[in-house]
Amino acid sequence: PAAPAGSGNPSPFGGKSLEYTGGSDPNNKNYSKLSEKLNEADIERRKIKEEAERRERAAEIRREERMAKIKYMQEMPENQPAGTVDEFMFKEGVQDQLDKLDHDLVGLLAVKKRVKEIAALLVLDKMRRKLGFETSVPSLHMSFTGAPGTGKTTVAVRMGQILAKMGYARRGHVVLATRDDLVGQYVGHTAPKTKEM
């Protein structure tokens, strides 16, 4: 007997033939088309290749920049004037600030020495820039700690003025903040208070 007309899949043996209904195999979702897997592998391979090419280009650019710096240094005449640290100190007005620091603070030789070292480092950075060398701005974060009356504020003010004279700070001002100026009285109040400072 033939399958009734209008049935989904006629069978010569009568009734519906076997149809795949998705099955109840829990691993059923692990199967996928071979073409999909090949496309995914191609995309992954292409990404890996593009990343390798990008890294290679970046390394080549770094090599070229390095060679250009070496060439620039080799072609620079030996008598290229760069100035001296003392000239820069006087021209920028830094020496004046260091003299004021010497006058304002009695003793504290280690502190004065450290301030002079920082000023000299910044001067050298400026000299390198003048010669055309690429320089990165040194970290200028500072923290002055100590007992009350030991000259922290005076040193901080002088350091701010030195940084301003050399062009490392927009203004030569120093913001004095105590714990009360930064910590809020209630939850969520600390961030706005800190931002105000």
N, C-alpha and C. Protein backbone atom coordinates (compact mmCIF):
# COMPACT_ATOMS: atom_id res chain seq x y z
N PRO A 1 0.82 -1.19 0.00
CA PRO A 1 0.00 0.00 0.00
C PRO A 1 0.86 1.25 0.00
N ALA A 2 0.49 2.19 -0.82
CA ALA A 2 1.25 3.45 -0.96
C ALA A 2 0.92 4.39 0.18
N ALA A 3 1.80 5.30 0.38
CA ALA A 3 1.59 6.30 1.44
C ALA A 3 0.45 7.22 1.03
N PRO A 4 -0.32 7.66 1.98
CA PRO A 4 -1.44 8.55 1.65
C PRO A 4 -0.93 9.84 1.00
N ALA A 5 -1.71 10.37 0.10
CA ALA A 5 -1.33 11.59 -0.62
C ALA A 5 -1.20 12.74 0.37
N GLY A 6 -0.20 13.58 0.12
CA GLY A 6 0.00 14.74 0.99
C GLY A 6 0.88 14.46 2.18
N SER A 7 1.35 13.22 2.35
CA SER A 7 2.24 12.94 3.49
C SER A 7 3.62 13.52 3.18
N GLY A 8 4.39 13.76 4.20
CA GLY A 8 5.66 14.46 4.07
C GLY A 8 6.67 13.78 3.17
N ASN A 9 6.89 12.50 3.30
CA ASN A 9 7.93 11.81 2.54
C ASN A 9 7.40 10.44 2.14
N PRO A 10 6.95 10.31 0.90
CA PRO A 10 6.34 9.02 0.52
C PRO A 10 7.37 7.91 0.53
N SER A 11 6.93 6.73 0.92
CA SER A 11 7.80 5.56 0.97
C SER A 11 7.14 4.44 0.17
N PRO A 12 7.93 3.71 -0.62
CA PRO A 12 7.33 2.61 -1.38
C PRO A 12 6.82 1.50 -0.48
N PHE A 13 7.26 1.50 0.77
CA PHE A 13 6.85 0.43 1.68
C PHE A 13 5.66 0.83 2.53
N GLY A 14 5.14 2.01 2.28
CA GLY A 14 3.99 2.47 3.04
C GLY A 14 4.41 3.25 4.28
N GLY A 15 3.61 4.17 4.68
CA GLY A 15 3.91 5.01 5.85
C GLY A 15 5.04 6.01 5.57
N LYS A 16 5.38 6.80 6.52
CA LYS A 16 6.46 7.79 6.34
C LYS A 16 7.81 7.09 6.40
N SER A 17 8.74 7.59 5.57
CA SER A 17 10.09 7.03 5.66
C SER A 17 10.79 7.67 6.85
N LEU A 18 11.94 7.17 7.12
CA LEU A 18 12.69 7.71 8.26
C LEU A 18 13.13 9.14 7.95
N GLU A 19 12.86 10.05 8.83
CA GLU A 19 13.28 11.44 8.67
C GLU A 19 14.13 11.83 9.88
N TYR A 20 15.15 12.64 9.58
CA TYR A 20 16.02 13.11 10.67
C TYR A 20 15.29 14.24 11.39
N THR A 21 15.08 14.04 12.64
CA THR A 21 14.33 15.04 13.42
C THR A 21 15.23 15.77 14.42
N GLY A 22 16.50 15.63 14.28
CA GLY A 22 17.39 16.31 15.21
C GLY A 22 17.93 15.36 16.25
N GLY A 23 17.25 14.31 16.52
CA GLY A 23 17.73 13.31 17.46
C GLY A 23 17.77 13.81 18.88
N SER A 24 18.08 12.92 19.76
CA SER A 24 18.15 13.26 21.18
C SER A 24 19.58 13.10 21.70
N ASP A 25 20.53 13.00 20.79
CA ASP A 25 21.93 12.84 21.18
C ASP A 25 22.43 14.15 21.81
N PRO A 26 22.96 14.12 23.05
CA PRO A 26 23.43 15.35 23.69
C PRO A 26 24.63 15.96 22.96
N ASN A 27 25.36 15.17 22.19
CA ASN A 27 26.51 15.68 21.44
C ASN A 27 26.12 16.21 20.08
N ASN A 28 24.85 16.31 19.83
CA ASN A 28 24.35 16.71 18.51
C ASN A 28 24.87 18.09 18.10
N LYS A 29 25.04 19.00 19.08
CA LYS A 29 25.47 20.35 18.78
C LYS A 29 26.96 20.42 18.41
N ASN A 30 27.69 19.34 18.64
CA ASN A 30 29.11 19.32 18.33
C ASN A 30 29.35 19.18 16.83
N TYR A 31 28.32 18.74 16.10
CA TYR A 31 28.49 18.54 14.66
C TYR A 31 28.24 19.85 13.93
N SER A 32 29.06 20.15 12.94
CA SER A 32 28.83 21.32 12.09
C SER A 32 29.35 21.01 10.71
N LYS A 33 29.01 21.87 9.79
CA LYS A 33 29.42 21.63 8.41
C LYS A 33 30.92 21.79 8.26
N LEU A 34 31.50 20.97 7.40
CA LEU A 34 32.93 21.04 7.14
C LEU A 34 33.31 22.39 6.55
N SER A 35 32.45 22.92 5.67
CA SER A 35 32.76 24.21 5.03
C SER A 35 32.83 25.33 6.07
N GLU A 36 31.95 25.30 7.09
CA GLU A 36 31.98 26.32 8.13
C GLU A 36 33.28 26.25 8.92
N LYS A 37 33.69 25.03 9.25
CA LYS A 37 34.94 24.85 9.99
C LYS A 37 36.14 25.32 9.18
N LEU A 38 36.14 25.01 7.88
CA LEU A 38 37.25 25.45 7.02
C LEU A 38 37.29 26.98 6.92
N ASN A 39 36.11 27.61 6.80
CA ASN A 39 36.06 29.09 6.75
C ASN A 39 36.60 29.71 8.04
N GLU A 40 36.20 29.13 9.18
CA GLU A 40 36.68 29.63 10.47
C GLU A 40 38.19 29.50 10.57
N ALA A 41 38.72 28.36 10.11
CA ALA A 41 40.17 28.14 10.15
C ALA A 41 40.89 29.12 9.23
N ASP A 42 40.29 29.40 8.05
CA ASP A 42 40.90 30.37 7.13
C ASP A 42 40.94 31.77 7.75
N ILE A 43 39.84 32.16 8.38
CA ILE A 43 39.77 33.48 9.02
C ILE A 43 40.82 33.57 10.12
N GLU A 44 40.92 32.51 10.94
CA GLU A 44 41.90 32.48 12.03
C GLU A 44 43.33 32.56 11.49
N ARG A 45 43.59 31.79 10.42
CA ARG A 45 44.91 31.80 9.80
C ARG A 45 45.24 33.19 9.25
N ARG A 46 44.24 33.84 8.62
CA ARG A 46 44.45 35.17 8.06
C ARG A 46 44.74 36.19 9.17
N LYS A 47 44.01 36.09 10.30
CA LYS A 47 44.25 36.99 11.43
C LYS A 47 45.67 36.83 11.97
N ILE A 48 46.10 35.59 12.10
CA ILE A 48 47.45 35.32 12.62
C ILE A 48 48.50 35.90 11.67
N LYS A 49 48.27 35.70 10.37
CA LYS A 49 49.21 36.20 9.36
C LYS A 49 49.26 37.73 9.38
N GLU A 50 48.09 38.39 9.46
CA GLU A 50 48.04 39.85 9.50
C GLU A 50 48.74 40.39 10.75
N GLU A 51 48.55 39.72 11.89
CA GLU A 51 49.19 40.15 13.14
C GLU A 51 50.71 40.02 13.02
N ALA A 52 51.17 38.92 12.42
CA ALA A 52 52.62 38.73 12.24
C ALA A 52 53.18 39.81 11.31
N GLU A 53 52.45 40.14 10.24
CA GLU A 53 52.90 41.19 9.32
C GLU A 53 52.93 42.55 10.01
N ARG A 54 51.93 42.82 10.86
CA ARG A 54 51.88 44.09 11.58
C ARG A 54 53.08 44.21 12.52
N ARG A 55 53.39 43.12 13.24
CA ARG A 55 54.54 43.13 14.13
C ARG A 55 55.84 43.34 13.36
N GLU A 56 55.92 42.68 12.20
CA GLU A 56 57.12 42.81 11.37
C GLU A 56 57.30 44.25 10.87
N ARG A 57 56.18 44.88 10.45
CA ARG A 57 56.24 46.27 9.99
C ARG A 57 56.67 47.19 11.13
N ALA A 58 56.12 46.96 12.32
CA ALA A 58 56.47 47.79 13.48
C ALA A 58 57.95 47.64 13.81
N ALA A 59 58.47 46.41 13.75
CA ALA A 59 59.89 46.18 14.02
C ALA A 59 60.75 46.86 12.97
N GLU A 60 60.31 46.83 11.71
CA GLU A 60 61.06 47.48 10.62
C GLU A 60 61.08 49.00 10.82
N ILE A 61 59.95 49.57 11.24
CA ILE A 61 59.88 51.01 11.49
C ILE A 61 60.83 51.38 12.63
N ARG A 62 60.83 50.56 13.71
CA ARG A 62 61.74 50.83 14.82
C ARG A 62 63.20 50.76 14.38
N ARG A 63 63.51 49.76 13.54
CA ARG A 63 64.88 49.64 13.02
C ARG A 63 65.28 50.86 12.21
N GLU A 64 64.36 51.32 11.33
CA GLU A 64 64.65 52.49 10.50
C GLU A 64 64.85 53.74 11.36
N GLU A 65 64.01 53.91 12.39
CA GLU A 65 64.15 55.07 13.28
C GLU A 65 65.49 55.02 14.01
N ARG A 66 65.86 53.83 14.46
CA ARG A 66 67.14 53.67 15.16
C ARG A 66 68.31 53.99 14.23
N MET A 67 68.25 53.50 13.00
CA MET A 67 69.33 53.76 12.04
C MET A 67 69.40 55.26 11.71
N ALA A 68 68.23 55.92 11.63
CA ALA A 68 68.21 57.36 11.36
C ALA A 68 68.87 58.12 12.51
N LYS A 69 68.61 57.71 13.77
CA LYS A 69 69.23 58.36 14.91
C LYS A 69 70.74 58.16 14.89
N ILE A 70 71.18 56.93 14.58
CA ILE A 70 72.62 56.65 14.52
C ILE A 70 73.27 57.49 13.44
N LYS A 71 72.62 57.57 12.28
CA LYS A 71 73.17 58.36 11.17
C LYS A 71 73.25 59.84 11.57
N TYR A 72 72.20 60.33 12.23
CA TYR A 72 72.17 61.73 12.68
C TYR A 72 73.34 62.00 13.64
N MET A 73 73.58 61.07 14.56
CA MET A 73 74.66 61.25 15.52
C MET A 73 76.03 61.19 14.84
N GLN A 74 76.18 60.29 13.86
CA GLN A 74 77.46 60.16 13.16
C GLN A 74 77.75 61.38 12.28
N GLU A 75 76.71 61.95 11.70
CA GLU A 75 76.91 63.10 10.82
C GLU A 75 77.03 64.42 11.57
N MET A 76 76.70 64.42 12.87
CA MET A 76 76.78 65.64 13.65
C MET A 76 78.25 66.03 13.83
N PRO A 77 78.58 67.28 13.56
CA PRO A 77 79.98 67.69 13.74
C PRO A 77 80.40 67.63 15.20
N GLU A 78 81.69 67.35 15.41
CA GLU A 78 82.21 67.21 16.77
C GLU A 78 82.11 68.52 17.55
N ASN A 79 82.19 69.63 16.84
CA ASN A 79 82.18 70.92 17.53
C ASN A 79 80.78 71.54 17.57
N GLN A 80 79.75 70.73 17.46
CA GLN A 80 78.36 71.21 17.53
C GLN A 80 78.12 71.85 18.90
N PRO A 81 77.77 73.14 18.96
CA PRO A 81 77.59 73.78 20.27
C PRO A 81 76.28 73.32 20.92
N ALA A 82 76.40 72.86 22.14
CA ALA A 82 75.21 72.46 22.88
C ALA A 82 75.03 73.30 24.12
N GLY A 83 76.08 74.05 24.47
CA GLY A 83 76.01 74.85 25.68
C GLY A 83 76.43 74.03 26.88
N THR A 84 76.48 74.68 28.00
CA THR A 84 76.84 73.99 29.24
C THR A 84 75.65 74.04 30.18
N VAL A 85 75.72 73.19 31.19
CA VAL A 85 74.64 73.14 32.17
C VAL A 85 74.52 74.48 32.88
N ASP A 86 75.67 75.09 33.21
CA ASP A 86 75.64 76.38 33.91
C ASP A 86 74.98 77.47 33.07
N GLU A 87 75.29 77.49 31.75
CA GLU A 87 74.67 78.48 30.87
C GLU A 87 73.15 78.34 30.87
N PHE A 88 72.68 77.10 30.75
CA PHE A 88 71.23 76.85 30.75
C PHE A 88 70.63 77.24 32.08
N MET A 89 71.33 76.94 33.17
CA MET A 89 70.81 77.26 34.50
C MET A 89 70.60 78.76 34.64
N PHE A 90 71.58 79.56 34.18
CA PHE A 90 71.46 81.01 34.30
C PHE A 90 70.43 81.56 33.33
N LYS A 91 70.45 81.05 32.09
CA LYS A 91 69.54 81.57 31.06
C LYS A 91 68.08 81.31 31.43
N GLU A 92 67.80 80.14 31.96
CA GLU A 92 66.42 79.78 32.29
C GLU A 92 65.96 80.40 33.62
N GLY A 93 66.90 80.93 34.39
CA GLY A 93 66.53 81.48 35.69
C GLY A 93 66.49 80.44 36.78
N VAL A 94 67.00 79.26 36.49
CA VAL A 94 66.98 78.17 37.47
C VAL A 94 67.99 78.44 38.58
N GLN A 95 69.16 78.96 38.20
CA GLN A 95 70.20 79.22 39.19
C GLN A 95 69.71 80.20 40.24
N ASP A 96 68.92 81.18 39.81
CA ASP A 96 68.35 82.16 40.75
C ASP A 96 67.47 81.47 41.78
N GLN A 97 66.64 80.51 41.30
CA GLN A 97 65.77 79.78 42.22
C GLN A 97 66.58 78.91 43.18
N LEU A 98 67.66 78.30 42.68
CA LEU A 98 68.51 77.47 43.53
C LEU A 98 69.21 78.33 44.58
N ASP A 99 69.63 79.54 44.19
CA ASP A 99 70.26 80.45 45.16
C ASP A 99 69.26 80.86 46.24
N LYS A 100 68.01 81.12 45.85
CA LYS A 100 66.98 81.47 46.83
C LYS A 100 66.74 80.32 47.80
N LEU A 101 66.77 79.09 47.25
CA LEU A 101 66.58 77.91 48.11
C LEU A 101 67.73 77.80 49.11
N ASP A 102 68.96 78.07 48.66
CA ASP A 102 70.12 78.06 49.57
C ASP A 102 69.95 79.12 50.65
N HIS A 103 69.43 80.27 50.28
CA HIS A 103 69.27 81.37 51.23
C HIS A 103 68.14 81.10 52.21
N ASP A 104 67.02 80.52 51.72
CA ASP A 104 65.84 80.30 52.56
C ASP A 104 66.03 79.17 53.57
N LEU A 105 66.76 78.14 53.18
CA LEU A 105 66.88 76.97 54.05
C LEU A 105 68.30 76.85 54.59
N VAL A 106 68.40 76.78 55.89
CA VAL A 106 69.69 76.57 56.53
C VAL A 106 69.86 75.07 56.71
N GLY A 107 71.03 74.58 56.34
CA GLY A 107 71.26 73.14 56.46
C GLY A 107 70.57 72.40 55.32
N LEU A 108 70.00 71.25 55.61
CA LEU A 108 69.29 70.41 54.64
C LEU A 108 70.11 70.19 53.35
N LEU A 109 71.38 69.85 53.53
CA LEU A 109 72.28 69.70 52.38
C LEU A 109 71.80 68.60 51.43
N ALA A 110 71.29 67.51 52.00
CA ALA A 110 70.83 66.39 51.14
C ALA A 110 69.66 66.82 50.27
N VAL A 111 68.74 67.63 50.84
CA VAL A 111 67.58 68.10 50.09
C VAL A 111 68.02 69.04 48.98
N LYS A 112 68.91 69.97 49.31
CA LYS A 112 69.39 70.92 48.31
C LYS A 112 70.13 70.20 47.18
N LYS A 113 70.92 69.19 47.56
CA LYS A 113 71.66 68.43 46.56
C LYS A 113 70.69 67.72 45.61
N ARG A 114 69.63 67.15 46.18
CA ARG A 114 68.65 66.42 45.36
C ARG A 114 67.92 67.37 44.41
N VAL A 115 67.55 68.55 44.89
CA VAL A 115 66.88 69.53 44.04
C VAL A 115 67.80 69.95 42.89
N LYS A 116 69.09 70.16 43.20
CA LYS A 116 70.06 70.53 42.16
C LYS A 116 70.22 69.41 41.14
N GLU A 117 70.21 68.15 41.60
CA GLU A 117 70.32 67.01 40.68
C GLU A 117 69.12 66.95 39.73
N ILE A 118 67.93 67.19 40.28
CA ILE A 118 66.72 67.18 39.43
C ILE A 118 66.79 68.31 38.41
N ALA A 119 67.22 69.49 38.86
CA ALA A 119 67.34 70.64 37.95
C ALA A 119 68.36 70.34 36.85
N ALA A 120 69.50 69.74 37.21
CA ALA A 120 70.53 69.41 36.22
C ALA A 120 70.01 68.38 35.22
N LEU A 121 69.23 67.41 35.69
CA LEU A 121 68.65 66.40 34.79
C LEU A 121 67.72 67.05 33.78
N LEU A 122 66.91 67.98 34.25
CA LEU A 122 65.98 68.68 33.36
C LEU A 122 66.73 69.56 32.36
N VAL A 123 67.83 70.15 32.81
CA VAL A 123 68.65 70.97 31.91
C VAL A 123 69.26 70.09 30.82
N LEU A 124 69.77 68.93 31.21
CA LEU A 124 70.34 68.00 30.22
C LEU A 124 69.28 67.56 29.21
N ASP A 125 68.06 67.35 29.70
CA ASP A 125 66.97 66.98 28.80
C ASP A 125 66.72 68.09 27.77
N LYS A 126 66.76 69.34 28.24
CA LYS A 126 66.58 70.48 27.32
C LYS A 126 67.74 70.55 26.31
N MET A 127 68.95 70.29 26.76
CA MET A 127 70.11 70.34 25.87
C MET A 127 70.00 69.25 24.80
N ARG A 128 69.55 68.09 25.19
CA ARG A 128 69.37 67.01 24.20
C ARG A 128 68.33 67.41 23.16
N ARG A 129 67.26 68.04 23.61
CA ARG A 129 66.23 68.49 22.66
C ARG A 129 66.79 69.54 21.71
N LYS A 130 67.63 70.42 22.24
CA LYS A 130 68.21 71.47 21.41
C LYS A 130 69.08 70.86 20.30
N LEU A 131 69.75 69.76 20.60
CA LEU A 131 70.58 69.08 19.61
C LEU A 131 69.76 68.25 18.63
N GLY A 132 68.47 68.10 18.90
CA GLY A 132 67.61 67.35 17.98
C GLY A 132 67.38 65.91 18.37
N PHE A 133 67.83 65.52 19.55
CA PHE A 133 67.62 64.15 20.00
C PHE A 133 66.21 64.01 20.56
N GLU A 134 65.67 62.83 20.39
CA GLU A 134 64.33 62.56 20.92
C GLU A 134 64.46 62.27 22.40
N THR A 135 63.68 62.94 23.20
CA THR A 135 63.72 62.72 24.64
C THR A 135 62.31 62.52 25.17
N SER A 136 62.23 61.79 26.24
CA SER A 136 60.93 61.65 26.90
C SER A 136 60.99 62.44 28.19
N VAL A 137 59.90 63.08 28.53
CA VAL A 137 59.87 63.91 29.73
C VAL A 137 60.03 63.01 30.95
N PRO A 138 61.02 63.30 31.79
CA PRO A 138 61.19 62.47 32.98
C PRO A 138 60.00 62.61 33.93
N SER A 139 59.80 61.60 34.72
CA SER A 139 58.69 61.64 35.69
C SER A 139 58.97 62.73 36.71
N LEU A 140 58.01 63.61 36.88
CA LEU A 140 58.20 64.75 37.78
C LEU A 140 57.29 64.69 39.00
N HIS A 141 56.78 63.50 39.31
CA HIS A 141 55.94 63.36 40.49
C HIS A 141 56.82 63.40 41.74
N MET A 142 56.44 64.19 42.70
CA MET A 142 57.23 64.33 43.91
C MET A 142 56.32 64.31 45.12
N SER A 143 56.87 63.80 46.20
CA SER A 143 56.14 63.78 47.46
C SER A 143 57.09 64.28 48.55
N PHE A 144 56.66 65.30 49.27
CA PHE A 144 57.50 65.88 50.32
C PHE A 144 56.89 65.48 51.66
N THR A 145 57.64 64.70 52.41
CA THR A 145 57.14 64.23 53.71
C THR A 145 58.11 64.64 54.80
N GLY A 146 57.62 64.71 56.01
CA GLY A 146 58.47 65.04 57.15
C GLY A 146 57.67 65.73 58.24
N ALA A 147 58.35 66.00 59.30
CA ALA A 147 57.71 66.63 60.45
C ALA A 147 57.37 68.09 60.13
N PRO A 148 56.43 68.67 60.86
CA PRO A 148 56.08 70.07 60.63
C PRO A 148 57.28 70.99 60.85
N GLY A 149 57.38 72.01 60.00
CA GLY A 149 58.43 73.01 60.16
C GLY A 149 59.78 72.61 59.60
N THR A 150 59.85 71.56 58.80
CA THR A 150 61.15 71.12 58.27
C THR A 150 61.44 71.67 56.88
N GLY A 151 60.56 72.50 56.34
CA GLY A 151 60.85 73.15 55.06
C GLY A 151 60.26 72.47 53.84
N LYS A 152 59.29 71.60 54.06
CA LYS A 152 58.67 70.89 52.92
C LYS A 152 58.01 71.86 51.95
N THR A 153 57.25 72.80 52.49
CA THR A 153 56.52 73.74 51.64
C THR A 153 57.49 74.64 50.88
N THR A 154 58.53 75.10 51.54
CA THR A 154 59.51 75.98 50.89
C THR A 154 60.17 75.26 49.71
N VAL A 155 60.59 74.01 49.95
CA VAL A 155 61.22 73.23 48.88
C VAL A 155 60.23 73.00 47.74
N ALA A 156 58.99 72.67 48.08
CA ALA A 156 57.97 72.41 47.06
C ALA A 156 57.71 73.66 46.21
N VAL A 157 57.64 74.82 46.85
CA VAL A 157 57.41 76.08 46.13
C VAL A 157 58.56 76.35 45.18
N ARG A 158 59.79 76.20 45.67
CA ARG A 158 60.97 76.44 44.82
C ARG A 158 61.01 75.44 43.66
N MET A 159 60.67 74.20 43.94
CA MET A 159 60.67 73.18 42.88
C MET A 159 59.62 73.51 41.82
N GLY A 160 58.46 73.97 42.26
CA GLY A 160 57.41 74.38 41.31
C GLY A 160 57.88 75.53 40.44
N GLN A 161 58.59 76.49 41.03
CA GLN A 161 59.09 77.63 40.26
C GLN A 161 60.16 77.20 39.26
N ILE A 162 61.01 76.26 39.68
CA ILE A 162 62.05 75.74 38.76
C ILE A 162 61.39 75.06 37.57
N LEU A 163 60.40 74.22 37.85
CA LEU A 163 59.70 73.50 36.76
C LEU A 163 58.99 74.48 35.83
N ALA A 164 58.43 75.54 36.39
CA ALA A 164 57.74 76.53 35.56
C ALA A 164 58.73 77.28 34.69
N LYS A 165 59.89 77.67 35.27
CA LYS A 165 60.89 78.42 34.50
C LYS A 165 61.44 77.60 33.35
N MET A 166 61.51 76.28 33.54
CA MET A 166 62.07 75.41 32.50
C MET A 166 61.02 74.93 31.51
N GLY A 167 59.77 75.28 31.75
CA GLY A 167 58.72 74.92 30.82
C GLY A 167 58.12 73.55 31.05
N TYR A 168 58.38 72.95 32.19
CA TYR A 168 57.81 71.63 32.49
C TYR A 168 56.47 71.72 33.20
N ALA A 169 56.15 72.89 33.72
CA ALA A 169 54.85 73.10 34.37
C ALA A 169 54.23 74.35 33.77
N ARG A 170 52.91 74.33 33.61
CA ARG A 170 52.23 75.48 33.01
C ARG A 170 52.35 76.71 33.91
N ARG A 171 52.20 76.49 35.21
CA ARG A 171 52.31 77.59 36.17
C ARG A 171 53.26 77.14 37.29
N GLY A 172 53.88 78.09 37.93
CA GLY A 172 54.80 77.72 39.01
C GLY A 172 54.12 77.68 40.35
N HIS A 173 52.89 77.24 40.38
CA HIS A 173 52.15 77.26 41.64
C HIS A 173 52.25 75.90 42.35
N VAL A 174 52.02 75.92 43.63
CA VAL A 174 52.02 74.70 44.42
C VAL A 174 50.68 74.65 45.15
N VAL A 175 50.03 73.50 45.10
CA VAL A 175 48.76 73.33 45.80
C VAL A 175 49.03 72.60 47.10
N LEU A 176 48.72 73.24 48.21
CA LEU A 176 48.91 72.61 49.52
C LEU A 176 47.60 71.95 49.92
N ALA A 177 47.70 70.67 50.25
CA ALA A 177 46.49 69.93 50.61
C ALA A 177 46.76 69.10 51.85
N THR A 178 45.82 69.15 52.78
CA THR A 178 45.89 68.29 53.97
C THR A 178 44.86 67.19 53.79
N ARG A 179 44.81 66.30 54.76
CA ARG A 179 43.86 65.20 54.69
C ARG A 179 42.43 65.71 54.61
N ASP A 180 42.14 66.77 55.35
CA ASP A 180 40.78 67.33 55.37
C ASP A 180 40.37 67.88 54.01
N ASP A 181 41.36 68.34 53.23
CA ASP A 181 41.04 68.89 51.90
C ASP A 181 40.70 67.79 50.90
N LEU A 182 41.12 66.57 51.16
CA LEU A 182 40.95 65.49 50.18
C LEU A 182 39.89 64.46 50.57
N VAL A 183 39.77 64.18 51.86
CA VAL A 183 38.85 63.12 52.29
C VAL A 183 37.48 63.73 52.59
N GLY A 184 36.43 63.15 51.98
CA GLY A 184 35.07 63.65 52.17
C GLY A 184 34.46 63.18 53.47
N GLN A 185 33.36 63.84 53.86
CA GLN A 185 32.69 63.47 55.10
C GLN A 185 31.70 62.34 54.91
N TYR A 186 31.30 62.12 53.68
CA TYR A 186 30.34 61.03 53.43
C TYR A 186 30.72 60.31 52.15
N VAL A 187 30.07 59.18 51.90
CA VAL A 187 30.40 58.33 50.76
C VAL A 187 30.15 59.10 49.46
N GLY A 188 31.13 59.07 48.57
CA GLY A 188 30.99 59.74 47.28
C GLY A 188 31.43 61.19 47.28
N HIS A 189 31.88 61.69 48.43
CA HIS A 189 32.26 63.09 48.55
C HIS A 189 33.75 63.30 48.30
N THR A 190 34.56 62.21 48.41
CA THR A 190 36.02 62.33 48.28
C THR A 190 36.42 62.72 46.86
N ALA A 191 35.83 62.06 45.86
CA ALA A 191 36.23 62.33 44.46
C ALA A 191 35.99 63.78 44.06
N PRO A 192 34.81 64.36 44.32
CA PRO A 192 34.63 65.78 43.96
C PRO A 192 35.58 66.72 44.70
N LYS A 193 35.87 66.42 45.98
CA LYS A 193 36.78 67.28 46.74
C LYS A 193 38.20 67.21 46.16
N THR A 194 38.61 65.99 45.79
CA THR A 194 39.95 65.82 45.21
C THR A 194 40.02 66.53 43.87
N LYS A 195 38.95 66.45 43.08
CA LYS A 195 38.94 67.10 41.77
C LYS A 195 39.03 68.61 41.91
N GLU A 196 38.41 69.16 42.92
CA GLU A 196 38.47 70.61 43.17
C GLU A 196 39.90 71.06 43.42
N MET A 197 40.66 70.23 44.10
CA MET A 197 42.06 70.58 44.41
C MET A 197 42.87 70.64 43.13
